[in-house]
């Protein structure tokens, strides 16, 4: 009887553990979270052999490629995921960010603008758009996009900081100090130094 109770307890515990585990967890996620991106790519690729149109696996593998600075394979995965799910703002933002890293600001602007139009898109869409516009020399549009990012997320320290730097470049020191102050209150790195440098 004691042995039967132990077996039943083991079966119940196994059931609880199985029920509590994440149903969509892929072994690649564990490797990605520990920084072993090569193994993550391998696991995601294995899953994609059986379901090549799994948007989440394509996106995750693209992110793992990106972390290894394999931008070409990352782009391929993101673009395939986007074909399958054209309104996936995570994929759009990843493409925008990747193009920004490669200094392809026109494409960064294109993808971030598309992401920004999707209802519920995060502030990061406006932020990446602002950075691309800034790099393209479209300062007024960049300021407006930073403002949109801040409107979507009042706690976005980097948006305040970057907008402050753009205002400095435009000679608007007084207004930039307000942005640096807000970034500093959110403990964004570099904000205090910017205050000390520009707002004495």
N, C-alpha and C. Protein backbone atom coordinates (compact mmCIF):
# COMPACT_ATOMS: atom_id res chain seq x y z
N UNK A 1 0.83 -1.21 0.00
CA UNK A 1 0.00 0.00 0.00
C UNK A 1 0.87 1.26 0.00
N UNK A 2 1.94 1.21 0.81
CA UNK A 2 2.84 2.36 0.88
C UNK A 2 3.47 2.62 -0.48
N UNK A 3 3.86 1.53 -1.19
CA UNK A 3 4.47 1.67 -2.50
C UNK A 3 3.46 2.25 -3.49
N UNK A 4 2.21 1.83 -3.42
CA UNK A 4 1.15 2.34 -4.30
C UNK A 4 0.96 3.84 -4.05
N UNK A 5 0.97 4.28 -2.79
CA UNK A 5 0.84 5.71 -2.47
C UNK A 5 2.00 6.51 -3.06
N UNK A 6 3.19 5.92 -2.98
CA UNK A 6 4.37 6.61 -3.54
C UNK A 6 4.24 6.76 -5.06
N UNK A 7 3.76 5.69 -5.70
CA UNK A 7 3.58 5.73 -7.16
C UNK A 7 2.52 6.77 -7.51
N UNK A 8 1.41 6.75 -6.77
CA UNK A 8 0.34 7.74 -7.03
C UNK A 8 0.85 9.16 -6.81
N UNK A 9 1.61 9.37 -5.77
CA UNK A 9 2.17 10.70 -5.50
C UNK A 9 3.09 11.13 -6.64
N UNK A 10 3.90 10.18 -7.12
CA UNK A 10 4.80 10.48 -8.24
C UNK A 10 4.01 10.84 -9.50
N UNK A 11 2.94 10.09 -9.77
CA UNK A 11 2.10 10.37 -10.94
C UNK A 11 1.43 11.73 -10.81
N UNK A 12 0.93 12.05 -9.62
CA UNK A 12 0.26 13.34 -9.38
C UNK A 12 1.26 14.48 -9.53
N UNK A 13 2.45 14.33 -8.95
CA UNK A 13 3.47 15.37 -9.05
C UNK A 13 3.90 15.58 -10.51
N UNK A 14 4.05 14.48 -11.24
CA UNK A 14 4.42 14.58 -12.66
C UNK A 14 3.34 15.33 -13.43
N UNK A 15 2.07 15.02 -13.11
CA UNK A 15 0.95 15.71 -13.77
C UNK A 15 0.94 17.20 -13.46
N UNK A 16 1.22 17.53 -12.20
CA UNK A 16 1.25 18.95 -11.81
C UNK A 16 2.39 19.66 -12.54
N UNK A 17 3.57 19.04 -12.56
CA UNK A 17 4.70 19.65 -13.25
C UNK A 17 4.41 19.82 -14.73
N UNK A 18 3.79 18.80 -15.34
CA UNK A 18 3.47 18.89 -16.77
C UNK A 18 2.45 19.99 -17.01
N UNK A 19 1.45 20.10 -16.15
CA UNK A 19 0.40 21.12 -16.31
C UNK A 19 0.96 22.52 -16.11
N UNK A 20 1.96 22.65 -15.25
CA UNK A 20 2.52 23.97 -14.97
C UNK A 20 3.60 24.38 -15.96
N UNK A 21 4.08 23.41 -16.74
CA UNK A 21 5.13 23.78 -17.69
C UNK A 21 4.51 24.59 -18.82
N UNK A 22 5.34 25.39 -19.47
CA UNK A 22 4.86 26.22 -20.56
C UNK A 22 4.60 25.35 -21.77
N UNK A 23 3.35 25.34 -22.28
CA UNK A 23 3.02 24.43 -23.37
C UNK A 23 3.77 24.75 -24.66
N UNK A 24 4.12 26.00 -24.89
CA UNK A 24 4.78 26.38 -26.13
C UNK A 24 6.29 26.56 -25.96
N UNK A 25 6.82 26.08 -24.85
CA UNK A 25 8.25 26.23 -24.60
C UNK A 25 9.03 25.34 -25.56
N UNK A 26 10.02 25.90 -26.17
CA UNK A 26 10.88 25.15 -27.08
C UNK A 26 12.24 25.05 -26.41
N UNK A 27 12.93 23.91 -26.58
CA UNK A 27 14.27 23.80 -25.97
C UNK A 27 15.20 24.94 -26.39
N UNK A 28 15.00 25.49 -27.58
CA UNK A 28 15.83 26.61 -28.04
C UNK A 28 15.71 27.82 -27.15
N UNK A 29 14.52 28.00 -26.53
CA UNK A 29 14.31 29.16 -25.65
C UNK A 29 15.27 29.12 -24.46
N UNK A 30 15.46 27.92 -23.92
CA UNK A 30 16.37 27.77 -22.77
C UNK A 30 17.79 28.19 -23.17
N UNK A 31 18.23 27.71 -24.34
CA UNK A 31 19.58 28.06 -24.80
C UNK A 31 19.70 29.55 -25.10
N UNK A 32 18.64 30.11 -25.69
CA UNK A 32 18.66 31.54 -26.00
C UNK A 32 18.80 32.35 -24.70
N UNK A 33 18.02 31.97 -23.69
CA UNK A 33 18.02 32.71 -22.42
C UNK A 33 19.33 32.58 -21.66
N UNK A 34 20.10 31.54 -21.95
CA UNK A 34 21.40 31.40 -21.27
C UNK A 34 22.55 31.91 -22.15
N UNK A 35 22.21 32.43 -23.33
CA UNK A 35 23.23 33.02 -24.19
C UNK A 35 23.93 32.05 -25.12
N UNK A 36 23.44 30.80 -25.18
CA UNK A 36 24.03 29.82 -26.10
C UNK A 36 23.25 29.87 -27.41
N UNK A 37 23.54 30.90 -28.21
CA UNK A 37 22.73 31.18 -29.40
C UNK A 37 22.91 30.14 -30.49
N UNK A 38 24.08 29.53 -30.58
CA UNK A 38 24.30 28.50 -31.60
C UNK A 38 23.40 27.29 -31.34
N UNK A 39 23.31 26.88 -30.08
CA UNK A 39 22.44 25.74 -29.75
C UNK A 39 20.97 26.14 -29.92
N UNK A 40 20.65 27.40 -29.61
CA UNK A 40 19.27 27.88 -29.81
C UNK A 40 18.91 27.77 -31.28
N UNK A 41 19.80 28.22 -32.16
CA UNK A 41 19.55 28.13 -33.61
C UNK A 41 19.31 26.68 -34.00
N UNK A 42 20.14 25.78 -33.49
CA UNK A 42 20.01 24.36 -33.81
C UNK A 42 18.65 23.81 -33.39
N UNK A 43 18.20 24.15 -32.18
CA UNK A 43 16.91 23.67 -31.68
C UNK A 43 15.75 24.26 -32.48
N UNK A 44 15.81 25.56 -32.75
CA UNK A 44 14.74 26.18 -33.54
C UNK A 44 14.70 25.58 -34.94
N UNK A 45 15.86 25.32 -35.52
CA UNK A 45 15.93 24.74 -36.86
C UNK A 45 15.31 23.34 -36.88
N UNK A 46 15.55 22.59 -35.82
CA UNK A 46 14.98 21.25 -35.71
C UNK A 46 13.45 21.33 -35.71
N UNK A 47 12.90 22.26 -34.95
CA UNK A 47 11.45 22.44 -34.89
C UNK A 47 10.91 22.88 -36.25
N UNK A 48 11.65 23.75 -36.93
CA UNK A 48 11.20 24.27 -38.22
C UNK A 48 11.21 23.22 -39.32
N UNK A 49 11.97 22.13 -39.13
CA UNK A 49 11.94 21.04 -40.11
C UNK A 49 10.53 20.46 -40.21
N UNK A 50 9.83 20.40 -39.07
CA UNK A 50 8.50 19.80 -39.02
C UNK A 50 7.39 20.82 -39.30
N UNK A 51 7.69 22.10 -39.03
CA UNK A 51 6.70 23.16 -39.28
C UNK A 51 7.43 24.40 -39.77
N UNK A 52 7.76 24.43 -41.07
CA UNK A 52 8.58 25.53 -41.60
C UNK A 52 7.88 26.89 -41.58
N UNK A 53 6.58 26.91 -41.32
CA UNK A 53 5.83 28.17 -41.30
C UNK A 53 5.47 28.62 -39.89
N UNK A 54 6.21 28.15 -38.91
CA UNK A 54 5.96 28.56 -37.52
C UNK A 54 6.60 29.94 -37.31
N UNK A 55 5.75 30.95 -37.26
CA UNK A 55 6.22 32.34 -37.17
C UNK A 55 7.06 32.56 -35.93
N UNK A 56 6.61 32.01 -34.82
CA UNK A 56 7.34 32.21 -33.55
C UNK A 56 8.74 31.60 -33.62
N UNK A 57 8.85 30.41 -34.20
CA UNK A 57 10.17 29.76 -34.30
C UNK A 57 11.07 30.52 -35.28
N UNK A 58 10.49 31.01 -36.38
CA UNK A 58 11.29 31.81 -37.33
C UNK A 58 11.80 33.08 -36.66
N UNK A 59 10.90 33.73 -35.91
CA UNK A 59 11.29 34.96 -35.21
C UNK A 59 12.39 34.65 -34.18
N UNK A 60 12.18 33.61 -33.38
CA UNK A 60 13.15 33.27 -32.34
C UNK A 60 14.51 32.89 -32.95
N UNK A 61 14.48 32.13 -34.04
CA UNK A 61 15.75 31.76 -34.67
C UNK A 61 16.43 33.01 -35.26
N UNK A 62 15.61 33.90 -35.82
CA UNK A 62 16.16 35.15 -36.33
C UNK A 62 16.84 35.96 -35.23
N UNK A 63 16.21 35.99 -34.05
CA UNK A 63 16.82 36.71 -32.92
C UNK A 63 18.13 36.05 -32.50
N UNK A 64 18.15 34.71 -32.52
CA UNK A 64 19.38 33.99 -32.15
C UNK A 64 20.48 34.27 -33.17
N UNK A 65 20.13 34.29 -34.46
CA UNK A 65 21.11 34.66 -35.48
C UNK A 65 21.61 36.09 -35.25
N UNK A 66 20.69 36.97 -34.95
CA UNK A 66 21.07 38.38 -34.73
C UNK A 66 22.05 38.51 -33.58
N UNK A 67 21.83 37.77 -32.52
CA UNK A 67 22.73 37.82 -31.36
C UNK A 67 24.13 37.33 -31.72
N UNK A 68 24.22 36.52 -32.77
CA UNK A 68 25.53 36.04 -33.24
C UNK A 68 26.10 36.93 -34.34
N UNK A 69 25.44 38.07 -34.57
CA UNK A 69 25.82 39.01 -35.64
C UNK A 69 25.74 38.40 -37.02
N UNK A 70 24.90 37.39 -37.18
CA UNK A 70 24.63 36.78 -38.48
C UNK A 70 23.38 37.47 -39.03
N UNK A 71 23.57 38.71 -39.48
CA UNK A 71 22.44 39.55 -39.87
C UNK A 71 21.73 39.04 -41.12
N UNK A 72 22.45 38.40 -42.01
CA UNK A 72 21.83 37.92 -43.25
C UNK A 72 20.80 36.84 -42.96
N UNK A 73 21.19 35.83 -42.16
CA UNK A 73 20.24 34.77 -41.80
C UNK A 73 19.11 35.31 -40.93
N UNK A 74 19.44 36.25 -40.06
CA UNK A 74 18.40 36.87 -39.22
C UNK A 74 17.35 37.54 -40.11
N UNK A 75 17.82 38.32 -41.08
CA UNK A 75 16.89 39.01 -41.99
C UNK A 75 16.02 38.01 -42.75
N UNK A 76 16.65 36.93 -43.23
CA UNK A 76 15.89 35.91 -43.97
C UNK A 76 14.75 35.35 -43.13
N UNK A 77 15.05 35.04 -41.85
CA UNK A 77 14.02 34.49 -40.97
C UNK A 77 12.94 35.53 -40.67
N UNK A 78 13.35 36.76 -40.39
CA UNK A 78 12.37 37.81 -40.09
C UNK A 78 11.48 38.08 -41.31
N UNK A 79 12.08 38.10 -42.49
CA UNK A 79 11.29 38.40 -43.69
C UNK A 79 10.30 37.28 -43.99
N UNK A 80 10.71 36.03 -43.77
CA UNK A 80 9.78 34.91 -43.97
C UNK A 80 8.65 34.99 -42.94
N UNK A 81 9.00 35.30 -41.69
CA UNK A 81 7.98 35.44 -40.65
C UNK A 81 7.00 36.55 -41.01
N UNK A 82 7.52 37.63 -41.57
CA UNK A 82 6.67 38.77 -41.94
C UNK A 82 5.74 38.43 -43.11
N UNK A 83 6.22 37.61 -44.05
CA UNK A 83 5.35 37.15 -45.14
C UNK A 83 4.16 36.37 -44.57
N UNK A 84 4.42 35.57 -43.54
CA UNK A 84 3.38 34.74 -42.94
C UNK A 84 2.46 35.54 -42.03
N UNK A 85 2.99 36.60 -41.41
CA UNK A 85 2.23 37.41 -40.46
C UNK A 85 2.60 38.88 -40.65
N UNK A 86 1.99 39.54 -41.67
CA UNK A 86 2.40 40.90 -42.06
C UNK A 86 2.18 41.97 -40.99
N UNK A 87 1.36 41.70 -39.99
CA UNK A 87 1.09 42.70 -38.95
C UNK A 87 1.75 42.36 -37.62
N UNK A 88 2.80 41.57 -37.66
CA UNK A 88 3.51 41.20 -36.44
C UNK A 88 4.52 42.30 -36.12
N UNK A 89 4.17 43.16 -35.14
CA UNK A 89 5.05 44.31 -34.89
C UNK A 89 6.39 43.91 -34.30
N UNK A 90 6.46 42.75 -33.62
CA UNK A 90 7.76 42.29 -33.11
C UNK A 90 8.72 42.03 -34.27
N UNK A 91 8.22 41.37 -35.30
CA UNK A 91 9.05 41.07 -36.47
C UNK A 91 9.44 42.36 -37.19
N UNK A 92 8.46 43.26 -37.34
CA UNK A 92 8.74 44.55 -37.99
C UNK A 92 9.80 45.33 -37.23
N UNK A 93 9.69 45.35 -35.90
CA UNK A 93 10.68 46.08 -35.09
C UNK A 93 12.06 45.44 -35.17
N UNK A 94 12.09 44.12 -35.22
CA UNK A 94 13.39 43.45 -35.35
C UNK A 94 14.04 43.78 -36.68
N UNK A 95 13.24 43.81 -37.75
CA UNK A 95 13.78 44.19 -39.05
C UNK A 95 14.24 45.64 -39.04
N UNK A 96 13.45 46.52 -38.42
CA UNK A 96 13.83 47.93 -38.34
C UNK A 96 15.14 48.09 -37.59
N UNK A 97 15.26 47.41 -36.47
CA UNK A 97 16.46 47.50 -35.64
C UNK A 97 17.68 46.95 -36.38
N UNK A 98 17.49 45.83 -37.07
CA UNK A 98 18.58 45.21 -37.82
C UNK A 98 19.08 46.14 -38.92
N UNK A 99 18.15 46.75 -39.65
CA UNK A 99 18.55 47.68 -40.71
C UNK A 99 19.24 48.92 -40.12
N UNK A 100 18.79 49.34 -38.94
CA UNK A 100 19.44 50.48 -38.29
C UNK A 100 20.88 50.13 -37.93
N UNK A 101 21.09 48.93 -37.40
CA UNK A 101 22.45 48.49 -37.06
C UNK A 101 23.35 48.50 -38.29
N UNK A 102 22.77 48.17 -39.44
CA UNK A 102 23.54 48.13 -40.68
C UNK A 102 23.60 49.49 -41.38
N UNK A 103 23.08 50.52 -40.70
CA UNK A 103 23.07 51.89 -41.22
C UNK A 103 22.23 52.04 -42.49
N UNK A 104 21.27 51.14 -42.65
CA UNK A 104 20.32 51.24 -43.75
C UNK A 104 19.08 51.94 -43.19
N UNK A 105 19.18 53.26 -43.06
CA UNK A 105 18.16 54.03 -42.34
C UNK A 105 16.84 54.11 -43.10
N UNK A 106 16.88 54.02 -44.42
CA UNK A 106 15.65 54.05 -45.20
C UNK A 106 14.78 52.85 -44.87
N UNK A 107 15.39 51.66 -44.83
CA UNK A 107 14.63 50.46 -44.48
C UNK A 107 14.24 50.45 -43.01
N UNK A 108 15.11 50.96 -42.15
CA UNK A 108 14.76 51.06 -40.72
C UNK A 108 13.51 51.93 -40.56
N UNK A 109 13.47 53.02 -41.30
CA UNK A 109 12.31 53.92 -41.27
C UNK A 109 11.07 53.22 -41.81
N UNK A 110 11.21 52.49 -42.90
CA UNK A 110 10.09 51.79 -43.51
C UNK A 110 9.46 50.80 -42.53
N UNK A 111 10.28 49.92 -41.95
CA UNK A 111 9.76 48.89 -41.05
C UNK A 111 9.23 49.47 -39.73
N UNK A 112 9.91 50.47 -39.20
CA UNK A 112 9.43 51.05 -37.93
C UNK A 112 8.13 51.81 -38.16
N UNK A 113 7.98 52.46 -39.31
CA UNK A 113 6.74 53.16 -39.62
C UNK A 113 5.58 52.19 -39.76
N UNK A 114 5.85 51.05 -40.40
CA UNK A 114 4.80 50.02 -40.51
C UNK A 114 4.40 49.50 -39.14
N UNK A 115 5.39 49.29 -38.29
CA UNK A 115 5.11 48.79 -36.93
C UNK A 115 4.30 49.82 -36.14
N UNK A 116 4.66 51.08 -36.30
CA UNK A 116 4.01 52.16 -35.55
C UNK A 116 2.51 52.25 -35.87
N UNK A 117 2.13 51.87 -37.09
CA UNK A 117 0.74 51.96 -37.51
C UNK A 117 -0.14 50.85 -36.95
N UNK A 118 0.45 49.80 -36.41
CA UNK A 118 -0.33 48.67 -35.89
C UNK A 118 -0.87 49.03 -34.51
N UNK A 119 -2.19 48.88 -34.30
CA UNK A 119 -2.75 49.17 -32.98
C UNK A 119 -2.05 48.35 -31.89
N UNK A 120 -1.69 49.02 -30.81
CA UNK A 120 -1.03 48.35 -29.70
C UNK A 120 0.47 48.23 -29.84
N UNK A 121 1.02 48.80 -30.93
CA UNK A 121 2.48 48.73 -31.11
C UNK A 121 3.17 49.47 -29.97
N UNK A 122 4.31 48.97 -29.51
CA UNK A 122 5.00 49.61 -28.39
C UNK A 122 5.69 50.91 -28.80
N UNK A 123 6.10 51.66 -27.81
CA UNK A 123 6.80 52.93 -28.02
C UNK A 123 8.08 52.74 -28.82
N UNK A 124 8.66 51.54 -28.78
CA UNK A 124 9.90 51.28 -29.49
C UNK A 124 9.75 51.52 -30.98
N UNK A 125 8.55 51.34 -31.53
CA UNK A 125 8.34 51.59 -32.97
C UNK A 125 8.63 53.05 -33.29
N UNK A 126 8.06 53.95 -32.49
CA UNK A 126 8.30 55.39 -32.70
C UNK A 126 9.74 55.76 -32.42
N UNK A 127 10.34 55.09 -31.45
CA UNK A 127 11.72 55.38 -31.08
C UNK A 127 12.69 55.03 -32.22
N UNK A 128 12.54 53.82 -32.78
CA UNK A 128 13.43 53.42 -33.87
C UNK A 128 13.19 54.33 -35.08
N UNK A 129 11.94 54.69 -35.30
CA UNK A 129 11.61 55.61 -36.39
C UNK A 129 12.33 56.95 -36.18
N UNK A 130 12.30 57.45 -34.96
CA UNK A 130 12.96 58.73 -34.64
C UNK A 130 14.46 58.63 -34.88
N UNK A 131 15.08 57.53 -34.47
CA UNK A 131 16.52 57.37 -34.66
C UNK A 131 16.88 57.34 -36.14
N UNK A 132 16.05 56.65 -36.94
CA UNK A 132 16.31 56.60 -38.39
C UNK A 132 16.17 57.99 -39.01
N UNK A 133 15.11 58.69 -38.63
CA UNK A 133 14.89 60.05 -39.15
C UNK A 133 16.04 60.97 -38.76
N UNK A 134 16.50 60.85 -37.52
CA UNK A 134 17.63 61.66 -37.05
C UNK A 134 18.86 61.41 -37.92
N UNK A 135 19.16 60.14 -38.17
CA UNK A 135 20.33 59.79 -38.99
C UNK A 135 20.19 60.28 -40.43
N UNK A 136 18.95 60.40 -40.88
CA UNK A 136 18.70 60.85 -42.24
C UNK A 136 18.67 62.38 -42.34
N UNK A 137 18.89 63.06 -41.19
CA UNK A 137 18.91 64.52 -41.19
C UNK A 137 17.54 65.17 -41.15
N UNK A 138 16.51 64.40 -40.82
CA UNK A 138 15.14 64.93 -40.75
C UNK A 138 14.82 65.23 -39.28
N UNK A 139 15.43 66.28 -38.78
CA UNK A 139 15.41 66.57 -37.34
C UNK A 139 14.01 66.85 -36.79
N UNK A 140 13.23 67.65 -37.47
CA UNK A 140 11.90 67.99 -36.96
C UNK A 140 11.01 66.76 -36.89
N UNK A 141 11.08 65.91 -37.93
CA UNK A 141 10.30 64.67 -37.91
C UNK A 141 10.80 63.73 -36.81
N UNK A 142 12.11 63.73 -36.60
CA UNK A 142 12.67 62.90 -35.53
C UNK A 142 12.16 63.36 -34.17
N UNK A 143 12.13 64.67 -33.94
CA UNK A 143 11.61 65.20 -32.68
C UNK A 143 10.17 64.77 -32.47
N UNK A 144 9.36 64.81 -33.54
CA UNK A 144 7.95 64.40 -33.44
C UNK A 144 7.84 62.92 -33.11
N UNK A 145 8.72 62.11 -33.69
CA UNK A 145 8.68 60.67 -33.41
C UNK A 145 9.14 60.35 -31.99
N UNK A 146 10.16 61.08 -31.50
CA UNK A 146 10.55 60.90 -30.09
C UNK A 146 9.38 61.27 -29.19
N UNK A 147 8.67 62.34 -29.54
CA UNK A 147 7.50 62.75 -28.75
C UNK A 147 6.43 61.65 -28.76
N UNK A 148 6.24 60.99 -29.91
CA UNK A 148 5.27 59.89 -29.98
C UNK A 148 5.70 58.73 -29.10
N UNK A 149 6.99 58.43 -29.10
CA UNK A 149 7.49 57.34 -28.25
C UNK A 149 7.23 57.66 -26.78
N UNK A 150 7.48 58.90 -26.39
CA UNK A 150 7.27 59.32 -25.00
C UNK A 150 5.79 59.33 -24.65
N UNK A 151 4.96 59.71 -25.61
CA UNK A 151 3.51 59.71 -25.39
C UNK A 151 3.02 58.29 -25.12
N UNK A 152 3.60 57.32 -25.82
CA UNK A 152 3.20 55.92 -25.64
C UNK A 152 3.77 55.32 -24.36
N UNK A 153 4.92 55.84 -23.92
CA UNK A 153 5.56 55.31 -22.71
C UNK A 153 6.27 56.45 -21.98
N UNK A 154 5.62 56.97 -20.96
CA UNK A 154 6.16 58.12 -20.21
C UNK A 154 7.43 57.78 -19.43
N UNK A 155 7.73 56.48 -19.31
CA UNK A 155 8.91 56.04 -18.56
C UNK A 155 10.08 55.67 -19.48
N UNK A 156 10.04 56.12 -20.71
CA UNK A 156 11.03 55.74 -21.73
C UNK A 156 12.23 56.68 -21.64
N UNK A 157 13.13 56.37 -20.71
CA UNK A 157 14.29 57.22 -20.44
C UNK A 157 15.16 57.49 -21.65
N UNK A 158 15.37 56.45 -22.47
CA UNK A 158 16.25 56.62 -23.63
C UNK A 158 15.64 57.58 -24.65
N UNK A 159 14.32 57.61 -24.75
CA UNK A 159 13.67 58.54 -25.69
C UNK A 159 13.88 59.98 -25.23
N UNK A 160 13.74 60.24 -23.93
CA UNK A 160 14.02 61.60 -23.41
C UNK A 160 15.48 61.98 -23.68
N UNK A 161 16.37 61.03 -23.39
CA UNK A 161 17.80 61.29 -23.53
C UNK A 161 18.16 61.60 -24.99
N UNK A 162 17.71 60.73 -25.90
CA UNK A 162 18.03 60.94 -27.32
C UNK A 162 17.41 62.23 -27.85
N UNK A 163 16.19 62.52 -27.41
CA UNK A 163 15.56 63.76 -27.86
C UNK A 163 16.35 64.96 -27.33
N UNK A 164 16.85 64.85 -26.10
CA UNK A 164 17.67 65.91 -25.53
C UNK A 164 18.93 66.15 -26.35
N UNK A 165 19.59 65.06 -26.76
CA UNK A 165 20.80 65.19 -27.59
C UNK A 165 20.49 65.84 -28.93
N UNK A 166 19.36 65.48 -29.52
CA UNK A 166 18.97 66.09 -30.80
C UNK A 166 18.71 67.58 -30.61
N UNK A 167 18.06 67.93 -29.51
CA UNK A 167 17.80 69.35 -29.24
C UNK A 167 19.11 70.13 -29.04
N UNK A 168 20.09 69.49 -28.40
CA UNK A 168 21.41 70.14 -28.25
C UNK A 168 21.99 70.42 -29.63
N UNK A 169 21.93 69.42 -30.51
CA UNK A 169 22.47 69.58 -31.86
C UNK A 169 21.76 70.70 -32.62
N UNK A 170 20.48 70.93 -32.28
CA UNK A 170 19.70 71.98 -32.93
C UNK A 170 19.84 73.33 -32.22
N UNK A 171 20.63 73.35 -31.13
CA UNK A 171 20.86 74.60 -30.40
C UNK A 171 19.77 74.97 -29.40
N UNK A 172 18.91 74.02 -29.09
CA UNK A 172 17.81 74.27 -28.16
C UNK A 172 18.17 73.72 -26.78
N UNK A 173 19.16 74.33 -26.14
CA UNK A 173 19.73 73.83 -24.89
C UNK A 173 18.70 73.82 -23.76
N UNK A 174 17.93 74.89 -23.63
CA UNK A 174 16.96 74.98 -22.53
C UNK A 174 15.99 73.81 -22.52
N UNK A 175 15.43 73.52 -23.67
CA UNK A 175 14.48 72.41 -23.77
C UNK A 175 15.17 71.06 -23.61
N UNK A 176 16.42 70.97 -24.06
CA UNK A 176 17.14 69.70 -23.92
C UNK A 176 17.38 69.38 -22.45
N UNK A 177 17.58 70.42 -21.64
CA UNK A 177 17.83 70.19 -20.20
C UNK A 177 16.62 69.56 -19.53
N UNK A 178 15.43 69.94 -19.98
CA UNK A 178 14.22 69.31 -19.43
C UNK A 178 14.21 67.81 -19.74
N UNK A 179 14.59 67.47 -20.98
CA UNK A 179 14.63 66.05 -21.36
C UNK A 179 15.70 65.30 -20.57
N UNK A 180 16.88 65.91 -20.41
CA UNK A 180 17.94 65.25 -19.64
C UNK A 180 17.51 65.06 -18.18
N UNK A 181 16.79 66.06 -17.64
CA UNK A 181 16.31 65.97 -16.26
C UNK A 181 15.33 64.79 -16.12
N UNK A 182 14.42 64.68 -17.08
CA UNK A 182 13.45 63.57 -17.03
C UNK A 182 14.17 62.23 -17.21
N UNK A 183 15.13 62.16 -18.12
CA UNK A 183 15.89 60.92 -18.31
C UNK A 183 16.66 60.57 -17.04
N UNK A 184 17.22 61.58 -16.39
CA UNK A 184 17.96 61.36 -15.15
C UNK A 184 17.03 60.87 -14.03
N UNK A 185 15.83 61.43 -13.97
CA UNK A 185 14.87 60.99 -12.94
C UNK A 185 14.47 59.52 -13.15
N UNK A 186 14.58 59.06 -14.40
CA UNK A 186 14.30 57.65 -14.72
C UNK A 186 15.57 56.80 -14.66
N UNK A 187 16.68 57.44 -14.20
CA UNK A 187 17.97 56.78 -14.02
C UNK A 187 18.53 56.22 -15.32
N UNK A 188 18.29 56.93 -16.43
CA UNK A 188 18.84 56.48 -17.70
C UNK A 188 20.34 56.81 -17.73
N UNK A 189 21.18 55.82 -18.09
CA UNK A 189 22.64 56.03 -18.10
C UNK A 189 23.04 57.18 -19.03
N UNK A 190 23.90 58.04 -18.52
CA UNK A 190 24.41 59.16 -19.31
C UNK A 190 23.63 60.45 -19.13
N UNK A 191 22.43 60.35 -18.55
CA UNK A 191 21.60 61.55 -18.40
C UNK A 191 22.22 62.54 -17.42
N UNK A 192 22.77 62.04 -16.32
CA UNK A 192 23.38 62.95 -15.34
C UNK A 192 24.58 63.66 -15.96
N UNK A 193 25.39 62.93 -16.71
CA UNK A 193 26.55 63.53 -17.36
C UNK A 193 26.11 64.60 -18.37
N UNK A 194 25.01 64.32 -19.09
CA UNK A 194 24.50 65.31 -20.05
C UNK A 194 24.02 66.56 -19.32
N UNK A 195 23.39 66.38 -18.17
CA UNK A 195 22.95 67.53 -17.36
C UNK A 195 24.16 68.36 -16.94
N UNK A 196 25.19 67.66 -16.46
CA UNK A 196 26.41 68.37 -16.01
C UNK A 196 27.09 69.10 -17.18
N UNK A 197 27.05 68.51 -18.35
CA UNK A 197 27.76 69.08 -19.50
C UNK A 197 27.00 70.26 -20.12
N UNK A 198 25.69 70.15 -20.26
CA UNK A 198 24.92 71.15 -21.01
C UNK A 198 24.07 72.08 -20.16
N UNK A 199 23.83 71.72 -18.91
CA UNK A 199 22.81 72.44 -18.14
C UNK A 199 23.35 72.99 -16.84
N UNK A 200 24.50 73.62 -16.87
CA UNK A 200 25.10 74.17 -15.65
C UNK A 200 24.42 75.46 -15.25
